[in-house]
C-alpha atoms as a PDB file:
ATOM      1  CA  MET A   1      -0.012   0.005   0.056  1.00  0.00           C
ATOM      2  CA  THR A   2       1.091   3.578  -0.860  1.00  0.00           C
ATOM      3  CA  ASP A   3       1.404   6.251   1.709  1.00  0.00           C
ATOM      4  CA  ARG A   4       2.796   9.275  -0.371  1.00  0.00           C
ATOM      5  CA  ASP A   5       2.707  11.773   2.744  1.00  0.00           C
ATOM      6  CA  ALA A   6       3.981   9.141   5.331  1.00  0.00           C
ATOM      7  CA  ASP A   7       1.343   9.901   7.858  1.00  0.00           C
ATOM      8  CA  GLY A   8       0.430   6.320   8.549  1.00  0.00           C
ATOM      9  CA  LEU A   9      -2.705   6.137   6.574  1.00  0.00           C
ATOM     10  CA  PRO A  10      -2.695   4.405   3.106  1.00  0.00           C
ATOM     11  CA  ASP A  11      -3.591   6.654   0.256  1.00  0.00           C
ATOM     12  CA  ASP A  12      -6.695   4.710  -0.528  1.00  0.00           C
ATOM     13  CA  ASP A  13      -8.074   5.515   3.085  1.00  0.00           C
ATOM     14  CA  ASP A  14      -6.476   8.889   3.413  1.00  0.00           C
ATOM     15  CA  PRO A  15      -8.882  12.041   2.811  1.00  0.00           C
ATOM     16  CA  CYS A  16      -5.598  14.110   2.182  1.00  0.00           C
ATOM     17  CA  PRO A  17      -3.180  11.633   0.516  1.00  0.00           C
ATOM     18  CA  SER A  18      -0.642  14.430  -0.390  1.00  0.00           C
ATOM     19  CA  SER A  19      -0.831  16.381   2.970  1.00  0.00           C
ATOM     20  CA  ASP A  20       1.050  19.627   3.597  1.00  0.00           C
ATOM     21  CA  THR A  21       3.226  18.342   6.378  1.00  0.00           C
ATOM     22  CA  ARG A  22       5.267  21.446   7.045  1.00  0.00           C
ATOM     23  CA  SER A  23       5.779  22.149  10.569  1.00  0.00           C
ATOM     24  CA  THR A  24       3.879  25.459  10.592  1.00  0.00           C
ATOM     25  CA  VAL A  25       1.144  26.854   8.452  1.00  0.00           C
ATOM     26  CA  THR A  26       1.954  28.613   5.297  1.00  0.00           C
ATOM     27  CA  LEU A  27      -0.653  30.272   3.275  1.00  0.00           C
ATOM     28  CA  GLY A  28       0.674  31.206  -0.127  1.00  0.00           C
ATOM     29  CA  SER A  29       3.669  33.142   0.598  1.00  0.00           C
ATOM     30  CA  CYS A  30       2.621  34.095   4.165  1.00  0.00           C
ATOM     31  CA  GLU A  31       4.322  32.282   6.827  1.00  0.00           C
ATOM     32  CA  THR A  32       2.592  31.820  10.301  1.00  0.00           C
ATOM     33  CA  THR A  33       3.993  30.916  13.475  1.00  0.00           C
ATOM     34  CA  ALA A  34       0.985  28.561  13.971  1.00  0.00           C
ATOM     35  CA  PRO A  35       1.778  24.815  14.218  1.00  0.00           C
ATOM     36  CA  ASN A  36       0.405  22.765  11.299  1.00  0.00           C
ATOM     37  CA  VAL A  37      -1.553  20.402  13.488  1.00  0.00           C
ATOM     38  CA  VAL A  38      -3.406  17.386  12.406  1.00  0.00           C
ATOM     39  CA  VAL A  39      -7.056  18.306  12.294  1.00  0.00           C
ATOM     40  CA  THR A  40      -8.658  15.200  11.089  1.00  0.00           C
ATOM     41  CA  ALA A  41      -7.109  11.727  10.290  1.00  0.00           C
ATOM     42  CA  GLY A  42      -4.673  12.369   7.572  1.00  0.00           C
ATOM     43  CA  CYS A  43      -5.387  16.007   7.114  1.00  0.00           C
ATOM     44  CA  THR A  44      -3.232  18.941   8.510  1.00  0.00           C
ATOM     45  CA  LEU A  45      -4.811  22.379   9.323  1.00  0.00           C
ATOM     46  CA  ALA A  46      -3.074  23.606   6.075  1.00  0.00           C
ATOM     47  CA  ASP A  47      -4.777  20.947   4.155  1.00  0.00           C
ATOM     48  CA  GLN A  48      -8.085  22.013   5.661  1.00  0.00           C
ATOM     49  CA  LEU A  49      -7.596  25.778   4.866  1.00  0.00           C
ATOM     50  CA  ALA A  50      -6.565  24.891   1.234  1.00  0.00           C
ATOM     51  CA  GLN A  51      -9.782  22.875   0.932  1.00  0.00           C
ATOM     52  CA  LEU A  52     -11.890  25.599   2.421  1.00  0.00           C
ATOM     53  CA  ARG A  53     -10.260  28.064  -0.084  1.00  0.00           C
ATOM     54  CA  ALA A  54     -10.878  25.826  -2.946  1.00  0.00           C
ATOM     55  CA  GLU A  55     -14.579  25.396  -2.008  1.00  0.00           C
ATOM     56  CA  ALA A  56     -15.267  29.043  -1.344  1.00  0.00           C
ATOM     57  CA  ARG A  57     -16.933  31.087  -3.989  1.00  0.00           C
ATOM     58  CA  THR A  58     -15.736  34.516  -2.551  1.00  0.00           C
ATOM     59  CA  HIS A  59     -12.683  35.662  -0.584  1.00  0.00           C
ATOM     60  CA  GLY A  60     -15.210  36.772   2.264  1.00  0.00           C
ATOM     61  CA  GLN A  61     -16.661  33.211   2.425  1.00  0.00           C
ATOM     62  CA  PHE A  62     -13.201  31.646   2.674  1.00  0.00           C
ATOM     63  CA  VAL A  63     -12.004  34.036   5.525  1.00  0.00           C
ATOM     64  CA  SER A  64     -15.338  33.448   7.357  1.00  0.00           C
ATOM     65  CA  ALA A  65     -14.921  29.415   7.081  1.00  0.00           C
ATOM     66  CA  ALA A  66     -11.330  29.696   8.004  1.00  0.00           C
ATOM     67  CA  SER A  67     -12.272  31.795  11.312  1.00  0.00           C
ATOM     68  CA  HIS A  68     -14.812  29.250  12.209  1.00  0.00           C
ATOM     69  CA  LEU A  69     -12.303  26.484  11.762  1.00  0.00           C
ATOM     70  CA  LEU A  70      -9.731  28.224  13.708  1.00  0.00           C
ATOM     71  CA  ASN A  71     -12.373  29.079  16.535  1.00  0.00           C
ATOM     72  CA  GLN A  72     -12.993  25.394  17.001  1.00  0.00           C
ATOM     73  CA  LEU A  73      -9.261  24.540  17.288  1.00  0.00           C
ATOM     74  CA  VAL A  74      -8.745  27.304  19.833  1.00  0.00           C
ATOM     75  CA  ALA A  75     -11.817  25.939  21.749  1.00  0.00           C
ATOM     76  CA  GLY A  76     -10.243  22.368  21.559  1.00  0.00           C
ATOM     77  CA  GLU A  77      -6.952  23.808  22.906  1.00  0.00           C
ATOM     78  CA  MET A  78      -5.133  22.754  19.613  1.00  0.00           C
ATOM     79  CA  LEU A  79      -4.210  26.509  18.731  1.00  0.00           C
ATOM     80  CA  SER A  80      -3.525  29.472  21.044  1.00  0.00           C
ATOM     81  CA  GLY A  81      -5.383  32.815  20.484  1.00  0.00           C
ATOM     82  CA  ALA A  82      -2.136  34.274  19.178  1.00  0.00           C
ATOM     83  CA  GLU A  83      -1.637  31.427  16.687  1.00  0.00           C
ATOM     84  CA  LYS A  84      -5.133  31.813  15.442  1.00  0.00           C
ATOM     85  CA  GLY A  85      -4.471  35.499  14.892  1.00  0.00           C
ATOM     86  CA  ALA A  86      -1.536  34.763  12.792  1.00  0.00           C
ATOM     87  CA  VAL A  87      -3.389  32.303  10.564  1.00  0.00           C
ATOM     88  CA  GLU A  88      -6.394  34.614  10.256  1.00  0.00           C
ATOM     89  CA  SER A  89      -3.975  37.300   9.273  1.00  0.00           C
ATOM     90  CA  CYS A  90      -2.335  35.299   6.513  1.00  0.00           C
ATOM     91  CA  ALA A  91      -5.936  34.095   5.389  1.00  0.00           C
ATOM     92  CA  ALA A  92      -7.138  37.506   4.843  1.00  0.00           C
ATOM     93  CA  ARG A  93      -4.201  38.140   2.428  1.00  0.00           C
ATOM     94  CA  TRP A  94      -4.536  34.901   0.707  1.00  0.00           C
ATOM     95  CA  LYS A  95      -6.614  35.723  -2.410  1.00  0.00           C
ATOM     96  CA  LEU A  96      -8.717  33.221  -4.341  1.00  0.00           C
END
């Protein structure tokens, strides 16, 4: 079985078979200090943000969806408020 991103999930069972596995979240050319945590099995925060961006019809829709996801991660103590702010700042500049 193939596991291209070496996250322990075979590609056939991995919702993000080519995960962004960098240690911190980078959106476009904007580097954050936020850790690129695993949000769901096989998918990192950067993966989830890229998916939200791809699905958004407008930039505002993307920023809103990203903020909702980040709020959940802060509530679950996976990110700090400062890390959330850093990602939101980059998301606001990451155009569709």
